[in-house]
Amino acid sequence: MPCCIAWLTKPVEPQDVVWSYAGIRPLYDDKERNPSAVTRDYVLDLNAAGGKAPLLSVFGGKITTYRRLAEQALEKLAPFLRGTRGPWTIGAILPGGDLPNGDPAGFAHALARDYPFLGIAAALRLAHSYGSDARCILASARRTEDLGRGFGYGFSERELDWLVKKEWALTGEDVLWRRSKLGLHLGSDETRAIDALLTGCRVTNR
């Protein structure tokens, strides 16, 4: 098996690390002795004894299969629900996924043409991050100031507002690391400003 090793001109030191995270994937315990052989699939367990309201438990799975999981979950619950219409998500387009010819780069150039204050770098980031929804974020803006406060790298207060309202972002980490990797580009002053705005949103919405 071929092996690829990356060497950097300047070795990376612990103090160079700006952020870290750990991911945990739950697996269904199928009693396999070898951990590598444990099923990576999800298991649905329906409990509806004695005519009581059904309880559906989901064990295992991963986010990339959530559509299929949801369909199978509804299949299990269909006898207890009214008005179910059967599987439909296989042809459903994700929000912003209706790009012409499925071409983010072409869409970005159209954005840069229609919103010349953006610049191509910001247009490309918006196109790859939001697809056609980028136009909903920019809306009727005709200059940078129309997007509210700018934090750098083309990230604006308007985009932050979109992330809060449409993608349920609550913290600076949600915005800068989980929904993007803008934390690699924005400085500590910008990060604090974003945190302050989000704190204000939480206080206002209580």
N, C-alpha and C. Protein backbone atom coordinates (compact mmCIF):
# COMPACT_ATOMS: atom_id res chain seq x y z
N MET A 1 0.85 -1.19 0.00
CA MET A 1 0.00 0.00 0.00
C MET A 1 0.89 1.24 0.00
N PRO A 2 0.63 2.19 -0.93
CA PRO A 2 1.46 3.40 -0.97
C PRO A 2 1.23 4.26 0.26
N CYS A 3 2.26 4.95 0.67
CA CYS A 3 2.17 5.81 1.85
C CYS A 3 2.60 7.22 1.48
N CYS A 4 1.85 8.19 1.93
CA CYS A 4 2.17 9.58 1.64
C CYS A 4 2.47 10.31 2.95
N ILE A 5 3.63 10.92 3.03
CA ILE A 5 4.03 11.66 4.23
C ILE A 5 4.27 13.11 3.82
N ALA A 6 3.66 14.03 4.54
CA ALA A 6 3.82 15.45 4.25
C ALA A 6 4.90 16.04 5.15
N TRP A 7 5.81 16.79 4.52
CA TRP A 7 6.85 17.49 5.27
C TRP A 7 6.68 18.98 5.05
N LEU A 8 6.68 19.74 6.13
CA LEU A 8 6.53 21.18 6.04
C LEU A 8 7.90 21.84 6.16
N THR A 9 8.08 22.94 5.44
CA THR A 9 9.35 23.68 5.50
C THR A 9 9.64 24.10 6.94
N LYS A 10 8.59 24.58 7.61
CA LYS A 10 8.73 24.96 9.02
C LYS A 10 7.93 23.96 9.85
N PRO A 11 8.59 23.19 10.72
CA PRO A 11 7.87 22.20 11.52
C PRO A 11 6.76 22.84 12.36
N VAL A 12 5.64 22.15 12.48
CA VAL A 12 4.52 22.64 13.27
C VAL A 12 4.78 22.34 14.74
N GLU A 13 4.66 23.37 15.56
CA GLU A 13 4.86 23.24 17.00
C GLU A 13 3.51 23.33 17.72
N PRO A 14 3.41 22.82 18.95
CA PRO A 14 2.14 22.88 19.67
C PRO A 14 1.55 24.28 19.75
N GLN A 15 2.41 25.30 19.88
CA GLN A 15 1.90 26.66 20.00
C GLN A 15 1.31 27.19 18.69
N ASP A 16 1.55 26.46 17.58
CA ASP A 16 0.99 26.87 16.30
C ASP A 16 -0.45 26.43 16.12
N VAL A 17 -0.91 25.51 16.94
CA VAL A 17 -2.27 25.00 16.82
C VAL A 17 -3.26 26.06 17.32
N VAL A 18 -4.20 26.45 16.46
CA VAL A 18 -5.15 27.51 16.83
C VAL A 18 -6.49 26.95 17.28
N TRP A 19 -6.78 25.69 16.98
CA TRP A 19 -8.06 25.11 17.37
C TRP A 19 -7.99 23.60 17.22
N SER A 20 -8.70 22.89 18.03
CA SER A 20 -8.72 21.43 17.91
C SER A 20 -10.11 20.92 18.27
N TYR A 21 -10.43 19.75 17.81
CA TYR A 21 -11.71 19.16 18.14
C TYR A 21 -11.60 17.64 18.09
N ALA A 22 -12.55 16.98 18.68
CA ALA A 22 -12.60 15.52 18.64
C ALA A 22 -14.00 15.11 18.21
N GLY A 23 -14.07 14.13 17.34
CA GLY A 23 -15.35 13.62 16.87
C GLY A 23 -15.60 12.23 17.44
N ILE A 24 -16.82 11.98 17.88
CA ILE A 24 -17.19 10.68 18.42
C ILE A 24 -18.30 10.09 17.56
N ARG A 25 -18.08 8.88 17.09
CA ARG A 25 -19.11 8.22 16.29
C ARG A 25 -19.71 7.06 17.08
N PRO A 26 -20.99 7.13 17.40
CA PRO A 26 -21.60 6.04 18.15
C PRO A 26 -21.82 4.82 17.26
N LEU A 27 -21.51 3.66 17.78
CA LEU A 27 -21.71 2.41 17.05
C LEU A 27 -22.65 1.50 17.84
N TYR A 28 -23.46 0.75 17.12
CA TYR A 28 -24.38 -0.18 17.75
C TYR A 28 -23.60 -1.41 18.23
N ASP A 29 -23.84 -1.80 19.45
CA ASP A 29 -23.13 -2.95 20.02
C ASP A 29 -23.76 -4.24 19.50
N ASP A 30 -23.13 -4.81 18.48
CA ASP A 30 -23.64 -6.06 17.91
C ASP A 30 -22.87 -7.28 18.41
N LYS A 31 -22.15 -7.08 19.54
CA LYS A 31 -21.44 -8.17 20.23
C LYS A 31 -20.23 -8.70 19.46
N GLU A 32 -19.77 -7.97 18.48
CA GLU A 32 -18.55 -8.37 17.77
C GLU A 32 -17.35 -8.22 18.71
N ARG A 33 -16.49 -9.22 18.71
CA ARG A 33 -15.29 -9.14 19.55
C ARG A 33 -14.26 -8.19 18.94
N ASN A 34 -14.21 -8.14 17.64
CA ASN A 34 -13.25 -7.27 16.94
C ASN A 34 -13.90 -5.90 16.71
N PRO A 35 -13.40 -4.84 17.34
CA PRO A 35 -14.02 -3.52 17.17
C PRO A 35 -14.11 -3.08 15.71
N SER A 36 -13.15 -3.51 14.88
CA SER A 36 -13.17 -3.11 13.47
C SER A 36 -14.33 -3.74 12.71
N ALA A 37 -14.87 -4.83 13.26
CA ALA A 37 -15.96 -5.54 12.58
C ALA A 37 -17.34 -5.09 13.03
N VAL A 38 -17.40 -4.20 14.02
CA VAL A 38 -18.70 -3.71 14.51
C VAL A 38 -19.41 -2.97 13.39
N THR A 39 -20.70 -3.19 13.24
CA THR A 39 -21.45 -2.57 12.15
C THR A 39 -21.39 -1.05 12.22
N ARG A 40 -21.23 -0.43 11.06
CA ARG A 40 -21.25 1.04 10.97
C ARG A 40 -22.65 1.54 10.62
N ASP A 41 -23.58 0.61 10.42
CA ASP A 41 -24.94 0.98 10.08
C ASP A 41 -25.72 1.35 11.34
N TYR A 42 -26.87 1.97 11.15
CA TYR A 42 -27.71 2.32 12.29
C TYR A 42 -28.76 1.23 12.50
N VAL A 43 -29.32 1.20 13.70
CA VAL A 43 -30.34 0.24 14.06
C VAL A 43 -31.52 1.00 14.66
N LEU A 44 -32.72 0.71 14.17
CA LEU A 44 -33.94 1.35 14.67
C LEU A 44 -34.70 0.36 15.53
N ASP A 45 -35.10 0.80 16.72
CA ASP A 45 -35.82 -0.06 17.64
C ASP A 45 -37.12 0.63 18.05
N LEU A 46 -38.26 0.02 17.66
CA LEU A 46 -39.56 0.61 17.92
C LEU A 46 -40.22 -0.09 19.10
N ASN A 47 -40.65 0.71 20.06
CA ASN A 47 -41.35 0.19 21.23
C ASN A 47 -42.74 0.83 21.27
N ALA A 48 -43.77 0.01 21.05
CA ALA A 48 -45.14 0.53 21.07
C ALA A 48 -46.06 -0.47 21.75
N ALA A 49 -45.64 -0.94 22.89
CA ALA A 49 -46.38 -1.98 23.60
C ALA A 49 -47.65 -1.44 24.24
N GLY A 50 -48.68 -2.27 24.28
CA GLY A 50 -49.89 -1.95 25.02
C GLY A 50 -50.67 -0.77 24.51
N GLY A 51 -50.53 -0.45 23.21
CA GLY A 51 -51.29 0.66 22.65
C GLY A 51 -50.81 2.03 23.06
N LYS A 52 -49.65 2.09 23.69
CA LYS A 52 -49.10 3.38 24.12
C LYS A 52 -48.45 4.11 22.94
N ALA A 53 -48.17 5.38 23.13
CA ALA A 53 -47.50 6.16 22.08
C ALA A 53 -46.17 5.50 21.74
N PRO A 54 -45.83 5.42 20.46
CA PRO A 54 -44.60 4.72 20.06
C PRO A 54 -43.34 5.48 20.46
N LEU A 55 -42.33 4.71 20.80
CA LEU A 55 -41.01 5.27 21.10
C LEU A 55 -40.02 4.63 20.13
N LEU A 56 -39.41 5.45 19.30
CA LEU A 56 -38.43 4.96 18.33
C LEU A 56 -37.04 5.37 18.77
N SER A 57 -36.17 4.38 19.00
CA SER A 57 -34.79 4.65 19.39
C SER A 57 -33.88 4.41 18.19
N VAL A 58 -32.91 5.29 18.00
CA VAL A 58 -31.96 5.19 16.90
C VAL A 58 -30.58 4.93 17.50
N PHE A 59 -29.96 3.84 17.11
CA PHE A 59 -28.63 3.49 17.60
C PHE A 59 -27.65 3.54 16.42
N GLY A 60 -26.53 4.25 16.63
CA GLY A 60 -25.52 4.32 15.58
C GLY A 60 -25.90 5.29 14.48
N GLY A 61 -25.27 5.12 13.32
CA GLY A 61 -25.53 6.00 12.18
C GLY A 61 -24.57 7.16 12.10
N LYS A 62 -24.68 7.92 11.02
CA LYS A 62 -23.82 9.09 10.83
C LYS A 62 -24.59 10.12 10.02
N ILE A 63 -24.12 11.34 10.06
CA ILE A 63 -24.87 12.45 9.49
C ILE A 63 -25.02 12.33 7.98
N THR A 64 -24.07 11.68 7.31
CA THR A 64 -24.16 11.57 5.85
C THR A 64 -25.28 10.66 5.39
N THR A 65 -25.86 9.87 6.30
CA THR A 65 -26.97 8.99 5.92
C THR A 65 -28.28 9.45 6.57
N TYR A 66 -28.33 10.70 7.00
CA TYR A 66 -29.49 11.13 7.79
C TYR A 66 -30.78 11.11 6.98
N ARG A 67 -30.71 11.35 5.67
CA ARG A 67 -31.93 11.34 4.87
C ARG A 67 -32.54 9.93 4.84
N ARG A 68 -31.70 8.95 4.54
CA ARG A 68 -32.20 7.58 4.48
C ARG A 68 -32.68 7.12 5.85
N LEU A 69 -31.94 7.51 6.89
CA LEU A 69 -32.34 7.16 8.25
C LEU A 69 -33.72 7.74 8.55
N ALA A 70 -33.95 9.00 8.19
CA ALA A 70 -35.23 9.65 8.46
C ALA A 70 -36.36 8.93 7.73
N GLU A 71 -36.11 8.52 6.48
CA GLU A 71 -37.14 7.81 5.73
C GLU A 71 -37.49 6.48 6.39
N GLN A 72 -36.47 5.75 6.80
CA GLN A 72 -36.73 4.47 7.45
C GLN A 72 -37.41 4.65 8.80
N ALA A 73 -37.07 5.73 9.50
CA ALA A 73 -37.73 6.02 10.77
C ALA A 73 -39.23 6.27 10.55
N LEU A 74 -39.55 7.03 9.50
CA LEU A 74 -40.96 7.30 9.21
C LEU A 74 -41.69 6.04 8.75
N GLU A 75 -41.00 5.16 8.06
CA GLU A 75 -41.61 3.89 7.68
C GLU A 75 -42.02 3.10 8.92
N LYS A 76 -41.14 3.12 9.92
CA LYS A 76 -41.45 2.42 11.18
C LYS A 76 -42.65 3.05 11.88
N LEU A 77 -42.74 4.39 11.81
CA LEU A 77 -43.78 5.11 12.55
C LEU A 77 -45.06 5.28 11.75
N ALA A 78 -45.04 4.96 10.46
CA ALA A 78 -46.20 5.18 9.59
C ALA A 78 -47.51 4.62 10.14
N PRO A 79 -47.51 3.41 10.73
CA PRO A 79 -48.79 2.89 11.24
C PRO A 79 -49.40 3.74 12.35
N PHE A 80 -48.61 4.62 12.95
CA PHE A 80 -49.11 5.42 14.07
C PHE A 80 -49.37 6.87 13.66
N LEU A 81 -49.08 7.20 12.41
CA LEU A 81 -49.21 8.58 11.94
C LEU A 81 -50.24 8.68 10.82
N ARG A 82 -50.80 9.86 10.68
CA ARG A 82 -51.74 10.12 9.59
C ARG A 82 -51.08 11.00 8.53
N GLY A 83 -51.44 10.75 7.29
CA GLY A 83 -51.01 11.64 6.22
C GLY A 83 -49.58 11.47 5.75
N THR A 84 -48.92 10.37 6.10
CA THR A 84 -47.55 10.17 5.60
C THR A 84 -47.61 9.91 4.10
N ARG A 85 -46.60 10.39 3.38
CA ARG A 85 -46.63 10.28 1.92
C ARG A 85 -45.53 9.39 1.36
N GLY A 86 -44.83 8.69 2.22
CA GLY A 86 -43.80 7.79 1.74
C GLY A 86 -42.49 8.51 1.46
N PRO A 87 -41.45 7.76 1.06
CA PRO A 87 -40.13 8.36 0.81
C PRO A 87 -40.18 9.41 -0.30
N TRP A 88 -39.45 10.51 -0.09
CA TRP A 88 -39.43 11.57 -1.10
C TRP A 88 -38.09 12.30 -1.19
N THR A 89 -37.19 12.06 -0.27
CA THR A 89 -35.99 12.90 -0.20
C THR A 89 -34.95 12.59 -1.28
N ILE A 90 -35.08 11.44 -1.97
CA ILE A 90 -34.04 11.07 -2.93
C ILE A 90 -33.89 12.12 -4.05
N GLY A 91 -34.98 12.80 -4.37
CA GLY A 91 -34.91 13.82 -5.41
C GLY A 91 -34.95 15.23 -4.89
N ALA A 92 -34.93 15.39 -3.56
CA ALA A 92 -35.02 16.72 -2.97
C ALA A 92 -33.65 17.41 -2.96
N ILE A 93 -33.64 18.65 -3.34
CA ILE A 93 -32.39 19.43 -3.39
C ILE A 93 -32.17 20.10 -2.04
N LEU A 94 -30.96 20.01 -1.53
CA LEU A 94 -30.63 20.69 -0.28
C LEU A 94 -30.68 22.20 -0.46
N PRO A 95 -30.91 22.96 0.61
CA PRO A 95 -30.97 24.42 0.49
C PRO A 95 -29.73 24.97 -0.20
N GLY A 96 -29.96 25.77 -1.24
CA GLY A 96 -28.85 26.37 -1.98
C GLY A 96 -28.24 25.46 -3.02
N GLY A 97 -28.76 24.24 -3.16
CA GLY A 97 -28.15 23.27 -4.07
C GLY A 97 -28.58 23.36 -5.51
N ASP A 98 -29.45 24.30 -5.84
CA ASP A 98 -29.96 24.42 -7.20
C ASP A 98 -29.09 25.35 -8.06
N LEU A 99 -27.79 25.14 -8.02
CA LEU A 99 -26.87 25.97 -8.81
C LEU A 99 -26.98 25.63 -10.29
N PRO A 100 -26.92 26.61 -11.16
CA PRO A 100 -26.93 26.33 -12.60
C PRO A 100 -25.79 25.39 -12.98
N ASN A 101 -26.12 24.28 -13.60
CA ASN A 101 -25.13 23.28 -14.02
C ASN A 101 -24.33 22.71 -12.85
N GLY A 102 -24.79 22.93 -11.62
CA GLY A 102 -24.06 22.43 -10.47
C GLY A 102 -22.65 22.96 -10.38
N ASP A 103 -22.47 24.22 -10.78
CA ASP A 103 -21.13 24.80 -10.93
C ASP A 103 -20.92 25.96 -9.95
N PRO A 104 -20.33 25.70 -8.76
CA PRO A 104 -20.11 26.79 -7.79
C PRO A 104 -19.20 27.89 -8.32
N ALA A 105 -18.18 27.52 -9.10
CA ALA A 105 -17.25 28.54 -9.61
C ALA A 105 -17.96 29.47 -10.58
N GLY A 106 -18.78 28.92 -11.46
CA GLY A 106 -19.53 29.76 -12.39
C GLY A 106 -20.51 30.65 -11.66
N PHE A 107 -21.15 30.10 -10.63
CA PHE A 107 -22.09 30.88 -9.83
C PHE A 107 -21.36 32.01 -9.11
N ALA A 108 -20.16 31.73 -8.60
CA ALA A 108 -19.37 32.74 -7.90
C ALA A 108 -19.01 33.90 -8.83
N HIS A 109 -18.65 33.59 -10.05
CA HIS A 109 -18.33 34.66 -11.00
C HIS A 109 -19.56 35.51 -11.32
N ALA A 110 -20.72 34.88 -11.36
CA ALA A 110 -21.95 35.64 -11.56
C ALA A 110 -22.23 36.54 -10.35
N LEU A 111 -21.96 36.01 -9.14
CA LEU A 111 -22.11 36.83 -7.93
C LEU A 111 -21.18 38.04 -7.97
N ALA A 112 -19.93 37.80 -8.34
CA ALA A 112 -18.95 38.90 -8.39
C ALA A 112 -19.35 39.94 -9.43
N ARG A 113 -20.01 39.49 -10.49
CA ARG A 113 -20.47 40.43 -11.52
C ARG A 113 -21.65 41.26 -11.00
N ASP A 114 -22.59 40.59 -10.33
CA ASP A 114 -23.80 41.29 -9.86
C ASP A 114 -23.57 42.09 -8.58
N TYR A 115 -22.55 41.68 -7.82
CA TYR A 115 -22.19 42.40 -6.58
C TYR A 115 -20.70 42.73 -6.65
N PRO A 116 -20.32 43.70 -7.48
CA PRO A 116 -18.90 43.98 -7.73
C PRO A 116 -18.10 44.37 -6.50
N PHE A 117 -18.77 44.82 -5.44
CA PHE A 117 -18.04 45.20 -4.22
C PHE A 117 -17.52 43.96 -3.47
N LEU A 118 -17.99 42.78 -3.82
CA LEU A 118 -17.60 41.57 -3.12
C LEU A 118 -16.15 41.18 -3.37
N GLY A 119 -15.78 41.12 -4.63
CA GLY A 119 -14.48 40.54 -5.00
C GLY A 119 -14.65 39.05 -5.21
N ILE A 120 -13.83 38.47 -6.06
CA ILE A 120 -14.01 37.08 -6.44
C ILE A 120 -13.73 36.11 -5.29
N ALA A 121 -12.78 36.43 -4.41
CA ALA A 121 -12.46 35.53 -3.30
C ALA A 121 -13.67 35.35 -2.37
N ALA A 122 -14.31 36.47 -2.01
CA ALA A 122 -15.50 36.40 -1.14
C ALA A 122 -16.65 35.73 -1.86
N ALA A 123 -16.80 36.01 -3.16
CA ALA A 123 -17.87 35.39 -3.94
C ALA A 123 -17.69 33.88 -3.99
N LEU A 124 -16.48 33.41 -4.17
CA LEU A 124 -16.21 31.97 -4.19
C LEU A 124 -16.53 31.34 -2.84
N ARG A 125 -16.15 31.98 -1.76
CA ARG A 125 -16.44 31.43 -0.43
C ARG A 125 -17.94 31.34 -0.20
N LEU A 126 -18.68 32.39 -0.57
CA LEU A 126 -20.13 32.37 -0.39
C LEU A 126 -20.78 31.30 -1.25
N ALA A 127 -20.31 31.16 -2.48
CA ALA A 127 -20.89 30.16 -3.38
C ALA A 127 -20.68 28.75 -2.85
N HIS A 128 -19.48 28.47 -2.35
CA HIS A 128 -19.19 27.14 -1.83
C HIS A 128 -19.87 26.89 -0.48
N SER A 129 -20.09 27.95 0.29
CA SER A 129 -20.68 27.78 1.62
C SER A 129 -22.21 27.70 1.58
N TYR A 130 -22.83 28.48 0.69
CA TYR A 130 -24.29 28.62 0.73
C TYR A 130 -24.98 28.29 -0.59
N GLY A 131 -24.22 28.08 -1.65
CA GLY A 131 -24.85 27.84 -2.94
C GLY A 131 -25.71 29.02 -3.35
N SER A 132 -26.87 28.73 -3.92
CA SER A 132 -27.73 29.80 -4.41
C SER A 132 -28.30 30.67 -3.29
N ASP A 133 -28.26 30.16 -2.05
CA ASP A 133 -28.72 30.97 -0.92
C ASP A 133 -27.84 32.20 -0.70
N ALA A 134 -26.67 32.23 -1.30
CA ALA A 134 -25.80 33.41 -1.18
C ALA A 134 -26.53 34.66 -1.67
N ARG A 135 -27.37 34.49 -2.68
CA ARG A 135 -28.12 35.65 -3.19
C ARG A 135 -29.16 36.11 -2.15
N CYS A 136 -29.68 35.19 -1.37
CA CYS A 136 -30.62 35.59 -0.31
C CYS A 136 -29.90 36.38 0.77
N ILE A 137 -28.65 36.01 1.04
CA ILE A 137 -27.86 36.73 2.04
C ILE A 137 -27.54 38.13 1.55
N LEU A 138 -27.10 38.23 0.32
CA LEU A 138 -26.71 39.53 -0.22
C LEU A 138 -27.91 40.40 -0.54
N ALA A 139 -28.99 39.77 -0.98
CA ALA A 139 -30.26 40.45 -1.27
C ALA A 139 -30.05 41.70 -2.13
N SER A 140 -30.50 42.84 -1.63
CA SER A 140 -30.46 44.07 -2.43
C SER A 140 -29.22 44.92 -2.14
N ALA A 141 -28.22 44.35 -1.49
CA ALA A 141 -27.00 45.12 -1.16
C ALA A 141 -26.34 45.66 -2.43
N ARG A 142 -25.91 46.88 -2.37
CA ARG A 142 -25.24 47.49 -3.52
C ARG A 142 -23.84 48.00 -3.17
N ARG A 143 -23.52 47.92 -1.89
CA ARG A 143 -22.18 48.32 -1.45
C ARG A 143 -21.86 47.55 -0.18
N THR A 144 -20.61 47.51 0.17
CA THR A 144 -20.18 46.75 1.34
C THR A 144 -20.90 47.17 2.60
N GLU A 145 -21.14 48.48 2.75
CA GLU A 145 -21.78 48.99 3.96
C GLU A 145 -23.20 48.45 4.15
N ASP A 146 -23.85 48.05 3.06
CA ASP A 146 -25.21 47.52 3.15
C ASP A 146 -25.26 46.18 3.88
N LEU A 147 -24.11 45.52 4.01
CA LEU A 147 -24.05 44.22 4.68
C LEU A 147 -23.76 44.33 6.17
N GLY A 148 -23.70 45.57 6.67
CA GLY A 148 -23.41 45.76 8.08
C GLY A 148 -21.92 45.69 8.36
N ARG A 149 -21.59 45.42 9.56
CA ARG A 149 -20.19 45.39 9.96
C ARG A 149 -19.43 44.29 9.23
N GLY A 150 -18.23 44.61 8.79
CA GLY A 150 -17.38 43.62 8.14
C GLY A 150 -16.32 43.11 9.12
N PHE A 151 -16.08 41.80 9.08
CA PHE A 151 -15.11 41.20 10.00
C PHE A 151 -13.84 40.72 9.29
N GLY A 152 -13.80 40.89 7.98
CA GLY A 152 -12.66 40.42 7.22
C GLY A 152 -12.99 39.15 6.45
N TYR A 153 -12.19 38.92 5.40
CA TYR A 153 -12.34 37.74 4.56
C TYR A 153 -13.74 37.66 3.95
N GLY A 154 -14.36 38.83 3.75
CA GLY A 154 -15.68 38.87 3.14
C GLY A 154 -16.82 38.48 4.06
N PHE A 155 -16.53 38.27 5.36
CA PHE A 155 -17.57 37.86 6.30
C PHE A 155 -18.20 39.10 6.90
N SER A 156 -19.54 39.18 6.82
CA SER A 156 -20.24 40.39 7.24
C SER A 156 -21.28 40.10 8.30
N GLU A 157 -21.80 41.17 8.89
CA GLU A 157 -22.86 41.05 9.88
C GLU A 157 -24.11 40.43 9.26
N ARG A 158 -24.36 40.71 7.98
CA ARG A 158 -25.51 40.12 7.29
C ARG A 158 -25.38 38.60 7.23
N GLU A 159 -24.19 38.12 6.93
CA GLU A 159 -23.97 36.68 6.88
C GLU A 159 -24.09 36.07 8.28
N LEU A 160 -23.59 36.76 9.27
CA LEU A 160 -23.71 36.29 10.65
C LEU A 160 -25.18 36.15 11.04
N ASP A 161 -25.98 37.12 10.66
CA ASP A 161 -27.41 37.09 10.95
C ASP A 161 -28.07 35.88 10.28
N TRP A 162 -27.65 35.58 9.06
CA TRP A 162 -28.17 34.41 8.34
C TRP A 162 -27.84 33.12 9.10
N LEU A 163 -26.61 33.02 9.57
CA LEU A 163 -26.19 31.82 10.29
C LEU A 163 -26.98 31.62 11.58
N VAL A 164 -27.32 32.73 12.24
CA VAL A 164 -28.10 32.64 13.47
C VAL A 164 -29.54 32.22 13.17
N LYS A 165 -30.16 32.84 12.16
CA LYS A 165 -31.57 32.61 11.89
C LYS A 165 -31.83 31.33 11.11
N LYS A 166 -30.94 30.99 10.19
CA LYS A 166 -31.20 29.86 9.30
C LYS A 166 -30.42 28.59 9.67
N GLU A 167 -29.28 28.76 10.34
CA GLU A 167 -28.46 27.59 10.66
C GLU A 167 -28.25 27.42 12.15
N TRP A 168 -28.98 28.21 12.95
CA TRP A 168 -29.04 28.05 14.40
C TRP A 168 -27.69 28.19 15.09
N ALA A 169 -26.83 29.00 14.54
CA ALA A 169 -25.55 29.27 15.20
C ALA A 169 -25.80 30.03 16.50
N LEU A 170 -25.12 29.61 17.56
CA LEU A 170 -25.29 30.25 18.87
C LEU A 170 -24.02 30.90 19.39
N THR A 171 -22.87 30.36 19.01
CA THR A 171 -21.60 30.85 19.56
C THR A 171 -20.61 31.17 18.44
N GLY A 172 -19.53 31.85 18.85
CA GLY A 172 -18.48 32.14 17.89
C GLY A 172 -17.88 30.87 17.29
N GLU A 173 -17.75 29.83 18.09
CA GLU A 173 -17.21 28.57 17.59
C GLU A 173 -18.14 27.96 16.55
N ASP A 174 -19.45 28.07 16.77
CA ASP A 174 -20.40 27.60 15.77
C ASP A 174 -20.12 28.24 14.42
N VAL A 175 -19.93 29.55 14.44
CA VAL A 175 -19.76 30.32 13.21
C VAL A 175 -18.38 30.11 12.59
N LEU A 176 -17.35 30.23 13.41
CA LEU A 176 -15.98 30.30 12.89
C LEU A 176 -15.33 28.94 12.67
N TRP A 177 -15.88 27.89 13.30
CA TRP A 177 -15.24 26.58 13.17
C TRP A 177 -16.18 25.48 12.71
N ARG A 178 -17.39 25.43 13.28
CA ARG A 178 -18.27 24.31 12.92
C ARG A 178 -18.96 24.53 11.58
N ARG A 179 -19.38 25.76 11.28
CA ARG A 179 -20.05 26.03 10.03
C ARG A 179 -19.12 26.61 8.99
N SER A 180 -17.94 26.91 9.38
CA SER A 180 -16.91 27.41 8.44
C SER A 180 -15.57 27.17 9.10
N LYS A 181 -14.53 27.55 8.41
CA LYS A 181 -13.19 27.52 9.02
C LYS A 181 -12.61 28.94 8.98
N LEU A 182 -13.50 29.92 9.13
CA LEU A 182 -13.06 31.31 9.11
C LEU A 182 -12.17 31.65 10.29
N GLY A 183 -12.20 30.83 11.32
CA GLY A 183 -11.31 31.05 12.46
C GLY A 183 -9.85 31.00 12.07
N LEU A 184 -9.55 30.36 10.94
CA LEU A 184 -8.16 30.32 10.46
C LEU A 184 -7.73 31.66 9.89
N HIS A 185 -8.70 32.52 9.55
CA HIS A 185 -8.38 33.76 8.85
C HIS A 185 -8.66 35.02 9.66
N LEU A 186 -9.63 34.95 10.57
CA LEU A 186 -9.99 36.15 11.34
C LEU A 186 -9.17 36.24 12.61
N GLY A 187 -8.86 37.46 13.01
CA GLY A 187 -8.04 37.69 14.19
C GLY A 187 -8.85 37.65 15.47
N SER A 188 -8.16 37.81 16.60
CA SER A 188 -8.81 37.74 17.91
C SER A 188 -9.79 38.88 18.12
N ASP A 189 -9.50 40.08 17.58
CA ASP A 189 -10.44 41.21 17.73
C ASP A 189 -11.76 40.91 17.03
N GLU A 190 -11.67 40.36 15.82
CA GLU A 190 -12.89 40.02 15.07
C GLU A 190 -13.67 38.91 15.77
N THR A 191 -12.94 37.94 16.31
CA THR A 191 -13.58 36.83 17.01
C THR A 191 -14.35 37.34 18.22
N ARG A 192 -13.73 38.24 18.97
CA ARG A 192 -14.40 38.80 20.16
C ARG A 192 -15.63 39.61 19.75
N ALA A 193 -15.52 40.34 18.64
CA ALA A 193 -16.65 41.14 18.18
C ALA A 193 -17.82 40.25 17.78
N ILE A 194 -17.55 39.12 17.13
CA ILE A 194 -18.59 38.18 16.73
C ILE A 194 -19.23 37.57 17.98
N ASP A 195 -18.42 37.18 18.95
CA ASP A 195 -18.94 36.63 20.20
C ASP A 195 -19.85 37.64 20.90
N ALA A 196 -19.44 38.90 20.90
CA ALA A 196 -20.22 39.94 21.56
C ALA A 196 -21.58 40.12 20.87
N LEU A 197 -21.58 40.11 19.56
CA LEU A 197 -22.84 40.25 18.84
C LEU A 197 -23.77 39.07 19.10
N LEU A 198 -23.20 37.86 19.13
CA LEU A 198 -24.01 36.67 19.38
C LEU A 198 -24.56 36.67 20.80
N THR A 199 -23.77 37.13 21.76
CA THR A 199 -24.25 37.25 23.14
C THR A 199 -25.41 38.22 23.21
N GLY A 200 -25.30 39.33 22.48
CA GLY A 200 -26.38 40.31 22.42
C GLY A 200 -27.64 39.72 21.81
N CYS A 201 -27.48 38.86 20.78
CA CYS A 201 -28.65 38.21 20.16
C CYS A 201 -29.36 37.30 21.16
N ARG A 202 -28.57 36.55 21.94
CA ARG A 202 -29.17 35.62 22.90
C ARG A 202 -29.92 36.38 23.98
N VAL A 203 -29.35 37.52 24.42
CA VAL A 203 -30.00 38.30 25.46
C VAL A 203 -31.30 38.89 24.93
N THR A 204 -31.27 39.38 23.68
CA THR A 204 -32.44 40.00 23.06
C THR A 204 -33.56 39.00 22.85
N ASN A 205 -33.20 37.75 22.50
CA ASN A 205 -34.20 36.75 22.16
C ASN A 205 -34.80 36.03 23.38
N ARG A 206 -34.32 36.32 24.56
CA ARG A 206 -34.86 35.65 25.76
C ARG A 206 -36.26 36.16 26.08
